[in-house]
Structures are given as C-alpha cells and as structure tokens.
Protein backbone atom coordinates (compact mmCIF):
# COMPACT_ATOMS: atom_id res chain seq x y z
CA MET A 1 -0.70 -4.23 2.21
CA SER A 2 0.63 -3.04 -1.29
CA SER A 3 -3.13 -3.93 -3.20
CA ASN A 4 -4.16 -1.67 0.05
CA ILE A 5 -1.83 1.00 -1.30
CA ILE A 6 -2.71 0.46 -4.78
CA THR A 7 -6.48 0.75 -3.94
CA ASN A 8 -5.91 3.93 -1.81
CA ILE A 9 -3.77 5.46 -5.21
CA LYS A 10 -6.39 4.60 -7.45
CA PRO A 11 -9.07 7.08 -6.49
CA GLU A 12 -6.74 9.96 -5.36
CA LYS A 13 -5.69 9.21 -9.51
CA GLU A 14 -8.95 9.41 -10.22
CA ARG A 15 -9.51 12.86 -8.74
CA LEU A 16 -6.35 14.11 -10.18
CA VAL A 17 -7.24 13.51 -13.68
CA ASN A 18 -10.83 15.08 -12.86
CA LEU A 19 -8.93 18.18 -11.49
CA LEU A 20 -6.55 18.82 -14.20
CA LYS A 21 -9.47 17.89 -16.99
CA GLU A 22 -11.52 20.76 -14.52
CA ILE A 23 -8.97 23.15 -14.29
CA ASN A 24 -7.81 22.87 -18.51
CA SER A 25 -11.97 23.00 -19.08
CA MET A 26 -12.32 26.27 -17.13
CA GLU A 27 -12.69 30.37 -18.66
CA ILE A 28 -10.75 32.18 -17.23
CA LYS A 29 -12.26 35.61 -16.34
CA SER A 30 -10.45 38.51 -14.39
CA PRO A 31 -11.98 41.21 -12.93
CA GLU A 32 -12.57 44.24 -15.22
CA SER A 33 -10.33 46.45 -12.14
CA LYS A 34 -7.17 44.39 -12.84
CA GLY A 35 -6.74 44.71 -16.32
CA ASP A 36 -4.29 42.94 -18.12
CA GLN A 37 -2.39 42.60 -15.16
CA GLY A 38 -4.55 40.47 -13.40
CA ILE A 39 -5.24 38.00 -16.64
CA PHE A 40 -2.02 37.12 -16.65
CA GLN A 41 -1.48 36.58 -13.42
CA LEU A 42 -4.55 34.33 -13.43
CA LEU A 43 -3.40 32.44 -16.61
CA HIS A 44 0.02 32.41 -14.64
CA GLU A 45 -1.42 30.70 -11.52
CA GLY A 46 -3.77 28.21 -13.53
CA LYS A 47 -0.91 27.42 -15.32
CA GLU A 48 1.42 26.62 -12.29
CA ALA A 49 -2.09 24.64 -11.06
CA ILE A 50 -1.77 22.49 -13.77
CA ILE A 51 1.36 21.70 -13.97
CA THR A 52 1.32 20.51 -9.93
CA LEU A 53 -1.76 18.54 -10.84
CA THR A 54 0.11 16.39 -13.99
CA MET A 55 3.68 16.00 -11.29
CA HIS A 56 1.54 14.49 -9.13
CA LYS A 57 -0.72 12.02 -11.88
CA ASP A 58 2.57 11.04 -12.99
CA GLU A 59 3.94 10.24 -9.18
CA ALA A 60 0.96 8.74 -9.09
CA ASP A 61 1.08 6.31 -12.41
CA GLN A 62 4.54 5.84 -11.25
CA ASN A 63 3.31 4.74 -8.02
CA LEU A 64 0.98 2.29 -9.16
CA MET A 65 3.21 1.17 -11.98
CA ARG A 66 5.68 0.02 -9.78
CA LEU A 67 3.05 -1.60 -6.86
CA SER A 68 2.00 -3.31 -9.56
CA LYS A 69 5.08 -4.46 -10.97
CA GLU A 70 5.76 -6.06 -7.39
CA LEU A 71 2.49 -7.97 -7.29
CA THR A 72 3.07 -9.39 -10.43
CA ASN A 73 6.64 -10.88 -9.00
CA LYS A 74 6.21 -11.57 -6.06
CA PRO A 75 3.97 -14.31 -6.13
CA ALA A 76 7.16 -15.92 -8.36
CA LYS A 77 9.27 -15.68 -5.14
CA GLU A 78 7.19 -16.71 -2.89
CA GLU A 79 6.74 -19.73 -5.06
CA ALA A 80 10.55 -20.42 -4.86
CA LYS A 81 11.43 -20.31 -1.26
CA ILE A 82 8.73 -22.89 -0.59
CA ILE A 83 10.79 -25.98 0.85
CA PRO A 84 8.27 -29.25 0.66
CA PHE A 85 7.24 -30.67 4.10
CA SER A 86 8.83 -34.51 2.93
CA ASN A 87 12.21 -32.79 2.90
CA LEU A 88 12.34 -31.67 6.42
CA ASN A 89 13.75 -34.11 8.86
CA ALA A 90 14.02 -33.23 12.59
CA ASN A 91 15.57 -35.27 15.08
CA LEU A 92 13.90 -34.78 18.53
CA PRO A 93 15.65 -36.87 21.64
CA HIS A 94 11.98 -38.59 23.34
CA LEU A 95 10.71 -37.29 26.63
CA SER A 96 9.26 -39.22 29.09
CA LEU A 97 6.36 -37.01 30.13
CA PRO A 98 4.18 -38.65 32.92
CA THR A 99 0.97 -39.16 32.69
CA PHE A 100 -1.86 -37.47 35.28
CA ASP A 101 -4.66 -39.84 36.05
CA GLY A 102 -7.25 -37.11 37.73
CA ASP A 103 -5.65 -37.32 41.27
CA PRO A 104 -6.10 -33.85 42.56
CA ARG A 105 -2.87 -34.43 45.03
CA GLN A 106 -1.02 -35.88 42.10
CA TRP A 107 -1.36 -32.29 40.21
CA ALA A 108 1.07 -30.20 42.22
CA THR A 109 3.66 -32.13 41.72
CA ILE A 110 2.72 -32.93 38.26
CA LEU A 111 2.51 -29.01 37.17
CA GLU A 112 6.63 -28.38 39.05
CA GLN A 113 8.13 -31.24 36.61
CA PHE A 114 6.61 -27.82 33.66
C-alpha cells in the first residue's frame, strides 16, 4: 500500500516543482488601466501562489521521506516476526472418519456426520 502511495506522490511532486518553476519564470505584466495598484496586486498574488506551492512541495517531500523510511524498516520488522515451522508442534486428537466406498445409499449418512 505504501509503495502505491509513493508512486502516486512522485508525479504530483514533479508537477508541483514544474509549476513552481513556471511561476518563478513568469514575467508578470499589469494591464495599463490598473496602474501601480494592479502591479502590486499581481505581485502579491504571485507570491502567495509561490508560497502555497512551496508548502505543498515540502509536504510531499516529507511524506515521501517518511514512506521511504517505513519501507526500508518494514522488511527488518517482518523478518523478526517469522517463526520457523520446526518450532511449532500441534498435538491434535486422532479423528476416526468414515470412508465412502461409492455407494449412493450410504452417502446421506456419511454427509450427516459432517
């Protein structure tokens, strides 16, 4: 399950990184009619977008690192839990079961015992 999460996070992380690069490389042009106020508004919105994308990228990085650590530590824990079959002894009672010789008339009585 965690490997599925990692494979799902990687493309999203790459997409966030590409969006962040795209935003950083954009030249923000303000419409002439808004003047300086419009420029400041666009700059402010751009900075907010960069901050939001950076937060999402950092969160994806942290999740990826956490899941990678879980995957690397998981096999060691599973190996410690494995009990060899030679150490397991089961003392079960002997059951005498009837045998079916193929006679259809006896099938109903044999089936009732189960």
